[in-house]
Amino acid sequence: MGTSKRFEEDKNKFIQYNGTKMSKAFYNTAISVRDLKLWKAGMKPHRHWFVTDVKNYFGLTGRDKQGLVDQIEKIRDELINK
């Protein structure tokens, strides 16, 4: 599992979220965890959402829904513990 160049660049870009500074990569990861879990449950998060966009941004591989959720949660945990 390798990450994309855009994801690596977003680790150094920051946004304001509820008055606190947060990396754009972490925000995208948190939202993508939610979206993949909705997709796993059979729901599409919004009409312009595609799992291939998430896979390309984070460098996820595979087609198994639970496997993709596990991969994105691992990325989230690495960002939290960093």
N, C-alpha and C. Protein backbone atom coordinates (compact mmCIF):
# COMPACT_ATOMS: atom_id res chain seq x y z
N MET A 1 0.85 -1.17 0.00
CA MET A 1 0.00 0.00 0.00
C MET A 1 0.89 1.23 0.00
N GLY A 2 0.86 1.98 -1.09
CA GLY A 2 1.61 3.22 -1.17
C GLY A 2 0.67 4.40 -1.25
N THR A 3 1.11 5.53 -0.78
CA THR A 3 0.25 6.71 -0.81
C THR A 3 0.56 7.54 -2.05
N SER A 4 -0.37 8.37 -2.43
CA SER A 4 -0.19 9.21 -3.61
C SER A 4 0.62 10.45 -3.26
N LYS A 5 1.12 11.09 -4.29
CA LYS A 5 1.89 12.32 -4.11
C LYS A 5 1.00 13.41 -3.50
N ARG A 6 -0.24 13.47 -3.93
CA ARG A 6 -1.16 14.49 -3.42
C ARG A 6 -1.41 14.31 -1.93
N PHE A 7 -1.58 13.06 -1.49
CA PHE A 7 -1.78 12.80 -0.06
C PHE A 7 -0.56 13.25 0.73
N GLU A 8 0.62 12.94 0.24
CA GLU A 8 1.86 13.33 0.93
C GLU A 8 1.98 14.85 1.00
N GLU A 9 1.59 15.57 -0.06
CA GLU A 9 1.64 17.03 -0.05
C GLU A 9 0.63 17.60 0.94
N ASP A 10 -0.54 16.98 1.03
CA ASP A 10 -1.59 17.47 1.92
C ASP A 10 -1.24 17.30 3.40
N LYS A 11 -0.27 16.45 3.71
CA LYS A 11 0.16 16.31 5.11
C LYS A 11 0.76 17.61 5.63
N ASN A 12 1.30 18.42 4.71
CA ASN A 12 1.96 19.68 5.11
C ASN A 12 1.08 20.90 4.86
N LYS A 13 -0.16 20.70 4.43
CA LYS A 13 -1.10 21.80 4.25
C LYS A 13 -2.09 21.76 5.40
N PHE A 14 -2.40 22.93 5.94
CA PHE A 14 -3.26 22.98 7.12
C PHE A 14 -4.50 23.82 6.85
N ILE A 15 -5.59 23.42 7.51
CA ILE A 15 -6.86 24.14 7.43
C ILE A 15 -7.34 24.41 8.85
N GLN A 16 -8.27 25.33 8.98
CA GLN A 16 -8.90 25.60 10.27
C GLN A 16 -10.18 24.78 10.35
N TYR A 17 -10.34 24.01 11.42
CA TYR A 17 -11.54 23.21 11.61
C TYR A 17 -12.00 23.40 13.05
N ASN A 18 -13.15 24.01 13.22
CA ASN A 18 -13.68 24.34 14.56
C ASN A 18 -12.65 25.10 15.40
N GLY A 19 -11.94 26.01 14.75
CA GLY A 19 -11.00 26.85 15.46
C GLY A 19 -9.65 26.23 15.75
N THR A 20 -9.42 25.01 15.29
CA THR A 20 -8.12 24.37 15.51
C THR A 20 -7.46 24.07 14.16
N LYS A 21 -6.16 24.02 14.18
CA LYS A 21 -5.37 23.74 12.99
C LYS A 21 -5.32 22.22 12.76
N MET A 22 -5.61 21.81 11.52
CA MET A 22 -5.63 20.38 11.20
C MET A 22 -5.04 20.20 9.80
N SER A 23 -4.26 19.14 9.61
CA SER A 23 -3.72 18.90 8.28
C SER A 23 -4.84 18.47 7.35
N LYS A 24 -4.72 18.90 6.11
CA LYS A 24 -5.72 18.57 5.10
C LYS A 24 -5.78 17.05 4.90
N ALA A 25 -4.64 16.39 5.00
CA ALA A 25 -4.59 14.93 4.83
C ALA A 25 -5.39 14.23 5.93
N PHE A 26 -5.28 14.71 7.18
CA PHE A 26 -6.03 14.08 8.26
C PHE A 26 -7.53 14.30 8.08
N TYR A 27 -7.92 15.51 7.69
CA TYR A 27 -9.33 15.79 7.45
C TYR A 27 -9.88 14.85 6.36
N ASN A 28 -9.15 14.74 5.26
CA ASN A 28 -9.59 13.85 4.17
C ASN A 28 -9.66 12.40 4.64
N THR A 29 -8.74 12.00 5.49
CA THR A 29 -8.75 10.64 6.02
C THR A 29 -9.97 10.39 6.88
N ALA A 30 -10.27 11.32 7.78
CA ALA A 30 -11.43 11.16 8.66
C ALA A 30 -12.73 11.08 7.86
N ILE A 31 -12.87 11.93 6.87
CA ILE A 31 -14.08 11.91 6.03
C ILE A 31 -14.14 10.62 5.22
N SER A 32 -13.01 10.16 4.73
CA SER A 32 -12.98 8.95 3.92
C SER A 32 -13.27 7.70 4.73
N VAL A 33 -12.88 7.68 6.01
CA VAL A 33 -13.23 6.56 6.89
C VAL A 33 -14.76 6.47 6.98
N ARG A 34 -15.38 7.62 7.23
CA ARG A 34 -16.85 7.66 7.29
C ARG A 34 -17.47 7.20 5.97
N ASP A 35 -16.96 7.73 4.85
CA ASP A 35 -17.53 7.40 3.55
C ASP A 35 -17.39 5.92 3.20
N LEU A 36 -16.22 5.34 3.48
CA LEU A 36 -16.03 3.92 3.18
C LEU A 36 -16.90 3.03 4.05
N LYS A 37 -17.13 3.44 5.28
CA LYS A 37 -18.01 2.64 6.14
C LYS A 37 -19.45 2.72 5.65
N LEU A 38 -19.88 3.89 5.17
CA LEU A 38 -21.21 4.00 4.58
C LEU A 38 -21.32 3.12 3.33
N TRP A 39 -20.28 3.16 2.49
CA TRP A 39 -20.25 2.37 1.26
C TRP A 39 -20.29 0.88 1.59
N LYS A 40 -19.56 0.48 2.63
CA LYS A 40 -19.56 -0.92 3.05
C LYS A 40 -20.96 -1.36 3.48
N ALA A 41 -21.72 -0.44 4.08
CA ALA A 41 -23.07 -0.74 4.53
C ALA A 41 -24.10 -0.68 3.39
N GLY A 42 -23.64 -0.34 2.18
CA GLY A 42 -24.53 -0.32 1.03
C GLY A 42 -25.06 1.04 0.65
N MET A 43 -24.48 2.10 1.21
CA MET A 43 -24.93 3.46 0.91
C MET A 43 -23.82 4.22 0.19
N LYS A 44 -24.22 5.06 -0.75
CA LYS A 44 -23.26 5.94 -1.42
C LYS A 44 -23.30 7.28 -0.68
N PRO A 45 -22.17 7.77 -0.16
CA PRO A 45 -22.16 8.98 0.66
C PRO A 45 -22.80 10.20 -0.02
N HIS A 46 -22.53 10.43 -1.29
CA HIS A 46 -23.19 11.47 -2.08
C HIS A 46 -23.06 11.11 -3.55
N ARG A 47 -23.80 11.77 -4.39
CA ARG A 47 -23.90 11.31 -5.78
C ARG A 47 -22.63 11.45 -6.58
N HIS A 48 -21.69 12.29 -6.16
CA HIS A 48 -20.44 12.46 -6.90
C HIS A 48 -19.29 11.66 -6.29
N TRP A 49 -19.58 10.79 -5.35
CA TRP A 49 -18.55 10.01 -4.65
C TRP A 49 -18.29 8.70 -5.40
N PHE A 50 -17.00 8.37 -5.57
CA PHE A 50 -16.60 7.11 -6.18
C PHE A 50 -15.47 6.52 -5.36
N VAL A 51 -15.53 5.22 -5.15
CA VAL A 51 -14.50 4.55 -4.35
C VAL A 51 -13.14 4.64 -5.04
N THR A 52 -13.10 4.71 -6.36
CA THR A 52 -11.81 4.81 -7.06
C THR A 52 -11.09 6.11 -6.73
N ASP A 53 -11.84 7.19 -6.48
CA ASP A 53 -11.20 8.44 -6.08
C ASP A 53 -10.50 8.29 -4.73
N VAL A 54 -11.14 7.61 -3.80
CA VAL A 54 -10.54 7.36 -2.48
C VAL A 54 -9.32 6.46 -2.63
N LYS A 55 -9.44 5.41 -3.42
CA LYS A 55 -8.33 4.48 -3.62
C LYS A 55 -7.13 5.17 -4.25
N ASN A 56 -7.36 6.05 -5.23
CA ASN A 56 -6.26 6.75 -5.89
C ASN A 56 -5.60 7.76 -4.95
N TYR A 57 -6.37 8.48 -4.16
CA TYR A 57 -5.82 9.49 -3.27
C TYR A 57 -4.95 8.86 -2.18
N PHE A 58 -5.42 7.77 -1.60
CA PHE A 58 -4.69 7.14 -0.49
C PHE A 58 -3.78 6.00 -0.93
N GLY A 59 -3.88 5.57 -2.17
CA GLY A 59 -3.05 4.46 -2.63
C GLY A 59 -3.55 3.12 -2.11
N LEU A 60 -4.84 2.99 -1.90
CA LEU A 60 -5.43 1.74 -1.41
C LEU A 60 -5.50 0.72 -2.54
N THR A 61 -5.42 -0.54 -2.17
CA THR A 61 -5.50 -1.61 -3.17
C THR A 61 -6.55 -2.62 -2.74
N GLY A 62 -7.06 -3.34 -3.71
CA GLY A 62 -8.01 -4.40 -3.43
C GLY A 62 -9.44 -3.98 -3.74
N ARG A 63 -10.33 -4.97 -3.66
CA ARG A 63 -11.74 -4.72 -3.95
C ARG A 63 -12.64 -5.09 -2.79
N ASP A 64 -12.09 -5.74 -1.78
CA ASP A 64 -12.85 -6.17 -0.62
C ASP A 64 -13.22 -4.96 0.23
N LYS A 65 -14.50 -4.78 0.51
CA LYS A 65 -14.96 -3.61 1.25
C LYS A 65 -14.34 -3.53 2.63
N GLN A 66 -14.33 -4.61 3.38
CA GLN A 66 -13.75 -4.60 4.71
C GLN A 66 -12.25 -4.35 4.65
N GLY A 67 -11.60 -4.89 3.64
CA GLY A 67 -10.17 -4.67 3.47
C GLY A 67 -9.84 -3.20 3.24
N LEU A 68 -10.67 -2.52 2.46
CA LEU A 68 -10.45 -1.09 2.21
C LEU A 68 -10.69 -0.28 3.49
N VAL A 69 -11.71 -0.64 4.24
CA VAL A 69 -11.97 0.05 5.51
C VAL A 69 -10.79 -0.16 6.46
N ASP A 70 -10.27 -1.38 6.52
CA ASP A 70 -9.12 -1.66 7.39
C ASP A 70 -7.90 -0.84 6.98
N GLN A 71 -7.66 -0.72 5.67
CA GLN A 71 -6.51 0.05 5.18
C GLN A 71 -6.63 1.53 5.54
N ILE A 72 -7.82 2.10 5.36
CA ILE A 72 -8.00 3.53 5.64
C ILE A 72 -7.93 3.79 7.15
N GLU A 73 -8.41 2.86 7.95
CA GLU A 73 -8.30 3.03 9.41
C GLU A 73 -6.86 2.93 9.86
N LYS A 74 -6.07 2.11 9.20
CA LYS A 74 -4.65 2.02 9.53
C LYS A 74 -3.95 3.34 9.22
N ILE A 75 -4.28 3.96 8.08
CA ILE A 75 -3.71 5.25 7.72
C ILE A 75 -4.12 6.29 8.75
N ARG A 76 -5.41 6.29 9.15
CA ARG A 76 -5.88 7.24 10.16
C ARG A 76 -5.12 7.06 11.47
N ASP A 77 -4.95 5.82 11.91
CA ASP A 77 -4.25 5.56 13.16
C ASP A 77 -2.79 6.01 13.10
N GLU A 78 -2.15 5.83 11.94
CA GLU A 78 -0.76 6.28 11.78
C GLU A 78 -0.68 7.80 11.87
N LEU A 79 -1.65 8.50 11.29
CA LEU A 79 -1.64 9.96 11.36
C LEU A 79 -1.89 10.44 12.79
N ILE A 80 -2.75 9.76 13.52
CA ILE A 80 -3.04 10.16 14.90
C ILE A 80 -1.82 9.95 15.78
N ASN A 81 -1.14 8.84 15.61
CA ASN A 81 -0.02 8.49 16.47
C ASN A 81 1.30 9.14 16.06
N LYS A 82 1.27 9.93 15.01
CA LYS A 82 2.49 10.55 14.52
C LYS A 82 2.86 11.77 15.30
